[in-house]
N, C-alpha and C. Protein backbone atom coordinates (compact mmCIF):
# COMPACT_ATOMS: atom_id res chain seq x y z
N ARG A 1 18.05 38.12 12.81
CA ARG A 1 17.05 37.92 11.97
C ARG A 1 15.15 37.72 12.60
N GLU A 2 14.54 38.77 12.49
CA GLU A 2 13.82 38.45 13.39
C GLU A 2 12.59 38.44 12.37
N THR A 3 11.48 37.53 12.83
CA THR A 3 10.76 37.82 11.49
C THR A 3 9.34 38.72 11.92
N TRP A 4 8.49 38.68 10.93
CA TRP A 4 7.84 39.81 10.95
C TRP A 4 6.93 39.63 12.68
N GLU A 5 6.39 38.33 12.70
CA GLU A 5 5.64 38.23 13.51
C GLU A 5 6.74 38.73 15.24
N ALA A 6 7.93 38.17 15.14
CA ALA A 6 7.96 38.26 16.14
C ALA A 6 8.49 39.67 17.16
N ARG A 7 8.57 40.55 15.28
CA ARG A 7 8.61 41.97 15.40
C ARG A 7 7.16 42.51 15.96
N ARG A 8 6.46 42.31 15.65
CA ARG A 8 5.21 42.27 16.16
C ARG A 8 4.26 42.13 17.90
N GLN A 9 5.33 40.94 17.77
CA GLN A 9 5.20 40.33 19.35
C GLN A 9 5.89 41.55 20.11
N ALA A 10 6.78 41.75 19.33
CA ALA A 10 7.57 42.64 20.57
C ALA A 10 7.08 44.01 20.97
N ALA A 11 5.89 44.58 19.57
CA ALA A 11 6.04 45.79 19.91
C ALA A 11 4.66 45.53 20.70
N ILE A 12 4.08 44.81 20.60
CA ILE A 12 2.63 44.74 21.36
C ILE A 12 3.00 44.87 23.01
N LEU A 13 4.19 44.23 23.29
CA LEU A 13 4.83 43.65 24.70
C LEU A 13 5.85 44.59 24.86
N ARG A 14 6.13 44.99 24.43
CA ARG A 14 7.07 46.59 25.34
C ARG A 14 6.78 48.11 25.84
N PRO A 15 5.02 47.90 25.81
CA PRO A 15 4.88 48.80 27.10
C PRO A 15 4.77 47.91 28.02
N PHE A 16 3.94 46.82 28.09
CA PHE A 16 4.53 45.95 29.59
C PHE A 16 5.20 45.85 30.17
N ILE A 17 7.06 45.88 29.64
CA ILE A 17 7.93 45.41 30.03
C ILE A 17 8.26 46.73 30.30
N ALA A 18 8.35 47.93 29.93
CA ALA A 18 8.33 48.89 30.12
C ALA A 18 8.24 49.39 31.92
N ARG A 19 6.68 48.77 32.06
CA ARG A 19 6.11 49.13 33.06
C ARG A 19 6.63 47.67 34.13
N TRP A 20 7.87 46.52 34.06
CA TRP A 20 8.13 45.84 34.18
C TRP A 20 9.29 46.22 34.90
N ARG A 21 9.83 47.03 35.90
CA ARG A 21 10.96 47.79 36.39
C ARG A 21 11.69 46.62 37.15
N THR A 22 10.69 45.89 37.81
CA THR A 22 11.04 44.91 39.01
C THR A 22 12.16 43.94 38.72
N PRO A 23 13.23 43.41 38.64
CA PRO A 23 13.63 41.77 38.81
C PRO A 23 13.33 41.32 38.60
N LEU A 24 12.03 41.07 40.11
CA LEU A 24 10.75 39.66 39.58
C LEU A 24 9.74 39.93 38.46
N LEU A 25 9.61 41.34 38.27
CA LEU A 25 8.90 41.01 36.84
C LEU A 25 9.63 40.47 35.54
N ALA A 26 10.43 40.83 35.38
CA ALA A 26 11.56 40.96 34.10
C ALA A 26 11.73 38.94 34.36
N GLN A 27 12.05 38.52 35.54
CA GLN A 27 12.79 37.61 35.78
C GLN A 27 11.50 36.48 35.42
N THR A 28 10.41 37.07 35.89
CA THR A 28 9.50 36.22 35.35
C THR A 28 8.99 35.98 33.45
N PHE A 29 8.61 37.53 33.20
CA PHE A 29 9.04 37.46 31.26
C PHE A 29 9.56 36.81 31.25
N SER A 30 11.15 36.65 31.42
CA SER A 30 11.87 35.63 30.84
C SER A 30 11.76 34.88 30.44
N LYS A 31 11.14 34.06 32.40
CA LYS A 31 10.33 32.74 32.40
C LYS A 31 9.47 32.46 31.53
N TRP A 32 8.86 32.86 31.32
CA TRP A 32 7.67 32.96 30.22
C TRP A 32 7.90 32.53 29.12
N ARG A 33 8.24 33.35 28.23
CA ARG A 33 9.20 33.73 27.16
C ARG A 33 9.81 32.37 26.74
N ALA A 34 10.83 32.17 27.42
CA ALA A 34 11.67 30.31 27.95
C ALA A 34 10.45 29.41 27.51
N GLU A 35 9.34 29.72 28.20
CA GLU A 35 8.06 28.33 27.94
C GLU A 35 7.52 28.40 26.21
N LEU A 36 7.68 29.34 26.23
CA LEU A 36 6.80 29.33 24.72
C LEU A 36 7.61 28.82 23.88
N LEU A 37 9.23 29.44 23.88
CA LEU A 37 10.10 29.19 22.83
C LEU A 37 9.89 27.14 23.17
N GLU A 38 9.86 27.28 23.73
CA GLU A 38 9.73 25.34 24.50
C GLU A 38 8.73 24.98 23.89
N ARG A 39 7.63 25.29 23.83
CA ARG A 39 6.24 24.98 23.15
C ARG A 39 6.77 24.48 22.18
N LYS A 40 6.90 25.90 21.52
CA LYS A 40 7.38 26.44 20.28
C LYS A 40 7.80 24.89 18.86
N ARG A 41 9.27 24.81 19.86
CA ARG A 41 9.67 23.95 19.58
C ARG A 41 8.86 22.25 19.88
N VAL A 42 8.62 22.27 20.26
CA VAL A 42 7.87 21.01 21.23
C VAL A 42 6.90 21.00 19.56
N VAL A 43 6.15 21.97 19.52
CA VAL A 43 5.30 21.48 18.45
C VAL A 43 5.87 21.23 16.92
N LYS A 44 6.69 21.98 16.70
CA LYS A 44 7.18 21.41 15.80
C LYS A 44 7.95 20.44 15.46
N THR A 45 8.46 20.31 16.53
CA THR A 45 8.80 18.44 16.63
C THR A 45 8.02 16.94 16.59
N GLU A 46 7.33 17.55 17.23
CA GLU A 46 5.86 16.77 17.05
C GLU A 46 4.99 17.09 15.56
N ALA A 47 5.18 17.74 15.10
CA ALA A 47 4.87 18.36 13.63
C ALA A 47 5.78 17.39 12.35
N VAL A 48 7.28 17.37 12.08
CA VAL A 48 8.42 16.42 12.27
C VAL A 48 7.46 14.52 12.53
N ILE A 49 6.78 14.62 13.17
CA ILE A 49 7.28 12.72 13.90
C ILE A 49 5.88 12.71 13.32
N LEU A 50 4.80 13.51 13.06
CA LEU A 50 2.57 13.06 12.70
C LEU A 50 3.91 13.32 10.93
N GLY A 51 4.55 14.02 10.33
CA GLY A 51 4.48 13.62 8.78
C GLY A 51 5.63 12.12 8.69
N ARG A 52 5.88 12.11 9.23
CA ARG A 52 7.00 10.75 9.21
C ARG A 52 6.33 9.98 9.60
N MET A 53 4.78 9.73 9.96
CA MET A 53 4.03 8.93 10.36
C MET A 53 3.28 9.06 9.28
N LEU A 54 2.91 9.59 8.42
CA LEU A 54 1.94 9.85 7.70
C LEU A 54 2.20 9.19 5.70
N HIS A 55 3.89 9.64 6.36
CA HIS A 55 3.95 8.42 4.88
C HIS A 55 4.38 6.88 5.19
N ARG A 56 3.42 6.57 5.38
CA ARG A 56 3.37 5.25 5.97
C ARG A 56 4.02 4.51 4.30
N TRP A 57 4.13 4.77 3.30
CA TRP A 57 4.41 3.63 2.06
C TRP A 57 5.44 3.05 2.32
N VAL A 58 6.40 3.74 3.70
CA VAL A 58 7.60 3.39 3.53
C VAL A 58 7.21 1.99 3.68
N SER A 59 6.12 1.79 5.49
CA SER A 59 5.63 0.34 5.80
C SER A 59 4.68 -0.58 4.82
N THR A 60 4.12 0.14 4.08
CA THR A 60 3.64 -0.74 3.07
C THR A 60 4.96 -1.34 2.41
N ALA A 61 5.46 -0.38 2.00
CA ALA A 61 6.74 -1.20 1.37
C ALA A 61 7.38 -2.47 1.95
N TRP A 62 7.49 -2.04 3.40
CA TRP A 62 7.98 -3.28 4.05
C TRP A 62 7.23 -4.38 3.85
N GLY A 63 6.01 -4.18 3.97
CA GLY A 63 5.04 -5.42 4.07
C GLY A 63 5.02 -6.08 2.74
N THR A 64 4.81 -5.71 1.72
CA THR A 64 4.77 -5.93 0.61
C THR A 64 6.35 -6.75 0.23
N TRP A 65 7.46 -6.49 0.62
CA TRP A 65 8.41 -7.13 0.31
C TRP A 65 8.57 -8.68 1.21
N LEU A 66 7.85 -8.25 3.09
CA LEU A 66 7.83 -9.17 2.99
C LEU A 66 6.77 -10.58 2.92
N THR A 67 6.03 -9.91 2.07
CA THR A 67 5.01 -11.25 1.70
C THR A 67 5.87 -11.60 0.50
N LEU A 68 6.51 -10.93 -0.41
CA LEU A 68 7.10 -11.51 -1.42
C LEU A 68 8.32 -12.15 -1.12
N HIS A 69 9.12 -12.17 0.09
CA HIS A 69 10.03 -13.19 0.44
C HIS A 69 9.54 -14.64 1.30
N ARG A 70 8.17 -14.39 1.77
CA ARG A 70 8.12 -15.67 2.08
C ARG A 70 7.46 -16.54 1.45
N GLU A 71 6.69 -16.12 0.44
CA GLU A 71 5.93 -16.84 -1.23
C GLU A 71 7.87 -17.71 -1.68
N ARG A 72 8.15 -16.51 -1.97
CA ARG A 72 9.50 -16.97 -2.87
C ARG A 72 10.72 -18.14 -1.72
N ARG A 73 10.05 -18.16 -0.17
CA ARG A 73 10.65 -18.80 0.46
C ARG A 73 10.08 -20.39 0.35
N ARG A 74 8.36 -20.17 0.41
CA ARG A 74 7.15 -21.27 0.19
C ARG A 74 7.62 -22.37 -0.95
N VAL A 75 8.07 -21.36 -2.23
CA VAL A 75 8.19 -22.13 -3.59
C VAL A 75 9.58 -22.65 -3.17
N ARG A 76 10.51 -21.96 -3.33
CA ARG A 76 11.97 -22.45 -3.01
C ARG A 76 12.34 -24.36 -2.23
N ARG A 77 10.48 -23.92 -0.80
CA ARG A 77 10.63 -24.93 -0.56
C ARG A 77 9.66 -26.40 -1.58
N VAL A 78 9.06 -26.05 -1.80
CA VAL A 78 8.30 -26.41 -2.79
C VAL A 78 9.39 -27.33 -4.10
N LEU A 79 10.38 -26.32 -4.66
CA LEU A 79 10.94 -26.91 -5.79
C LEU A 79 11.98 -27.79 -4.87
N THR A 80 12.48 -27.59 -4.12
CA THR A 80 13.46 -28.91 -3.44
C THR A 80 12.58 -30.06 -3.17
N LYS A 81 11.24 -29.98 -2.72
CA LYS A 81 11.16 -31.52 -2.59
C LYS A 81 10.78 -32.08 -3.90
N VAL A 82 10.30 -31.22 -5.21
CA VAL A 82 10.57 -31.79 -6.72
C VAL A 82 11.93 -32.48 -6.98
N VAL A 83 12.36 -31.83 -6.73
CA VAL A 83 14.02 -32.15 -6.89
C VAL A 83 14.26 -33.04 -5.90
N GLU A 84 13.95 -33.18 -5.06
CA GLU A 84 14.37 -35.09 -4.15
C GLU A 84 13.80 -35.64 -4.69
N ARG A 85 12.31 -35.52 -5.01
CA ARG A 85 11.54 -36.75 -5.64
C ARG A 85 12.07 -36.97 -7.29
N LEU A 86 12.25 -35.98 -7.19
CA LEU A 86 13.52 -36.38 -9.07
C LEU A 86 14.30 -37.79 -8.81
N TRP A 87 15.29 -37.36 -7.47
CA TRP A 87 16.71 -37.78 -7.32
C TRP A 87 16.12 -39.75 -6.94
N HIS A 88 14.83 -39.18 -6.49
CA HIS A 88 15.06 -40.46 -5.59
C HIS A 88 13.58 -41.46 -6.27
N ARG A 89 13.73 -41.22 -8.27
CA ARG A 89 12.37 -41.70 -8.33
C ARG A 89 12.26 -43.31 -8.43
N GLY A 90 13.73 -43.82 -8.01
CA GLY A 90 13.42 -45.47 -8.21
C GLY A 90 12.92 -45.60 -7.15
N VAL A 91 13.20 -45.05 -5.92
CA VAL A 91 12.31 -45.67 -4.94
C VAL A 91 11.18 -45.55 -4.48
N SER A 92 10.91 -44.29 -5.83
CA SER A 92 9.19 -43.52 -5.67
C SER A 92 8.30 -44.58 -6.72
N ALA A 93 9.13 -44.74 -7.43
CA ALA A 93 8.80 -46.13 -8.81
C ALA A 93 8.05 -47.15 -7.81
N ALA A 94 8.98 -47.41 -6.86
CA ALA A 94 8.86 -48.88 -6.13
C ALA A 94 7.65 -48.58 -5.04
N TRP A 95 7.45 -48.33 -4.70
CA TRP A 95 6.96 -47.35 -3.52
C TRP A 95 5.47 -47.54 -4.73
N GLY A 96 5.08 -46.71 -5.51
CA GLY A 96 3.78 -46.95 -6.43
C GLY A 96 3.31 -47.69 -6.96
N THR A 97 4.58 -49.02 -7.17
CA THR A 97 4.28 -50.49 -7.51
C THR A 97 3.57 -50.81 -7.07
N TRP A 98 4.28 -51.07 -5.21
CA TRP A 98 4.32 -52.00 -4.24
C TRP A 98 2.28 -51.21 -3.69
N TYR A 99 2.32 -50.05 -3.66
CA TYR A 99 0.86 -49.60 -3.22
C TYR A 99 -0.21 -50.01 -4.55
N ALA A 100 0.26 -50.34 -5.53
CA ALA A 100 -0.79 -50.12 -6.69
C ALA A 100 -1.33 -52.22 -6.66
N ASN A 101 -0.03 -52.54 -5.74
CA ASN A 101 -0.22 -54.25 -5.76
C ASN A 101 -1.08 -54.76 -4.43
N HIS A 102 -0.74 -53.74 -3.35
CA HIS A 102 -1.53 -53.69 -2.50
C HIS A 102 -3.06 -53.20 -2.58
N VAL A 103 -2.97 -52.22 -3.32
CA VAL A 103 -4.78 -52.37 -3.24
C VAL A 103 -5.45 -53.14 -4.25
N GLU A 104 -4.11 -53.96 -5.77
CA GLU A 104 -5.58 -54.99 -6.53
C GLU A 104 -5.28 -56.16 -5.61
N LEU A 105 -4.23 -56.45 -4.47
CA LEU A 105 -4.69 -57.49 -3.30
C LEU A 105 -6.01 -57.53 -2.61
N ARG A 106 -6.41 -56.44 -2.49
CA ARG A 106 -7.06 -56.05 -1.04
C ARG A 106 -8.13 -56.13 -1.82
N GLY A 107 -8.41 -55.71 -3.29
CA GLY A 107 -9.63 -55.98 -3.65
C GLY A 107 -10.11 -57.37 -4.32
N MET A 108 -8.81 -58.30 -4.74
CA MET A 108 -9.38 -59.44 -4.59
C MET A 108 -9.86 -60.43 -3.60
N ARG A 109 -8.71 -59.73 -1.94
CA ARG A 109 -9.43 -60.56 -1.02
C ARG A 109 -11.01 -60.17 -0.56
N GLN A 110 -11.56 -59.25 -1.02
CA GLN A 110 -12.68 -58.99 -1.11
C GLN A 110 -13.59 -59.83 -1.70
N VAL A 111 -13.27 -59.96 -2.85
CA VAL A 111 -14.50 -60.70 -4.03
C VAL A 111 -14.30 -62.25 -3.42
N GLU A 112 -13.08 -62.44 -3.15
CA GLU A 112 -12.60 -64.23 -2.24
C GLU A 112 -14.10 -64.03 -1.37
N ARG A 113 -13.79 -63.10 -0.18
CA ARG A 113 -14.52 -62.81 0.83
C ARG A 113 -16.23 -63.05 0.68
N ARG A 114 -16.88 -62.45 -0.70
CA ARG A 114 -17.83 -62.66 -1.19
C ARG A 114 -18.93 -63.91 -1.87
N GLY A 115 -17.43 -64.29 -1.97
CA GLY A 115 -18.10 -66.22 -2.60
C GLY A 115 -17.34 -66.02 -4.09
N GLY A 116 -16.78 -65.01 -4.33
CA GLY A 116 -16.70 -64.98 -5.98
C GLY A 116 -15.47 -65.80 -6.76
N GLY A 117 -14.70 -66.10 -5.49
CA GLY A 117 -13.13 -66.88 -6.01
C GLY A 117 -13.25 -68.78 -6.21
């Protein structure tokens, strides 16, 4: 199955080929044709690669997924901390009470130093 373009090229080249009766010229022409076909194959491959590169939506989707994954991991860490605090409420309450007493005592000491006590 030759395409119209291939038939047209063959018709154009037929007179030149007829003049090239020597084996060297025929070999040269065959080599040229093989290189032409290879160049066409390379161009077609490049077009496929470029087409894939143009479909950046895959890359965008991956970036979105990665962002969501990182956010979910962060939320999970925060929730884990909240749950741990709830489990250790007694320790947390004791610490809060100690700190409140410490602040009050410090305030009393400052008043005492100023001579108000």
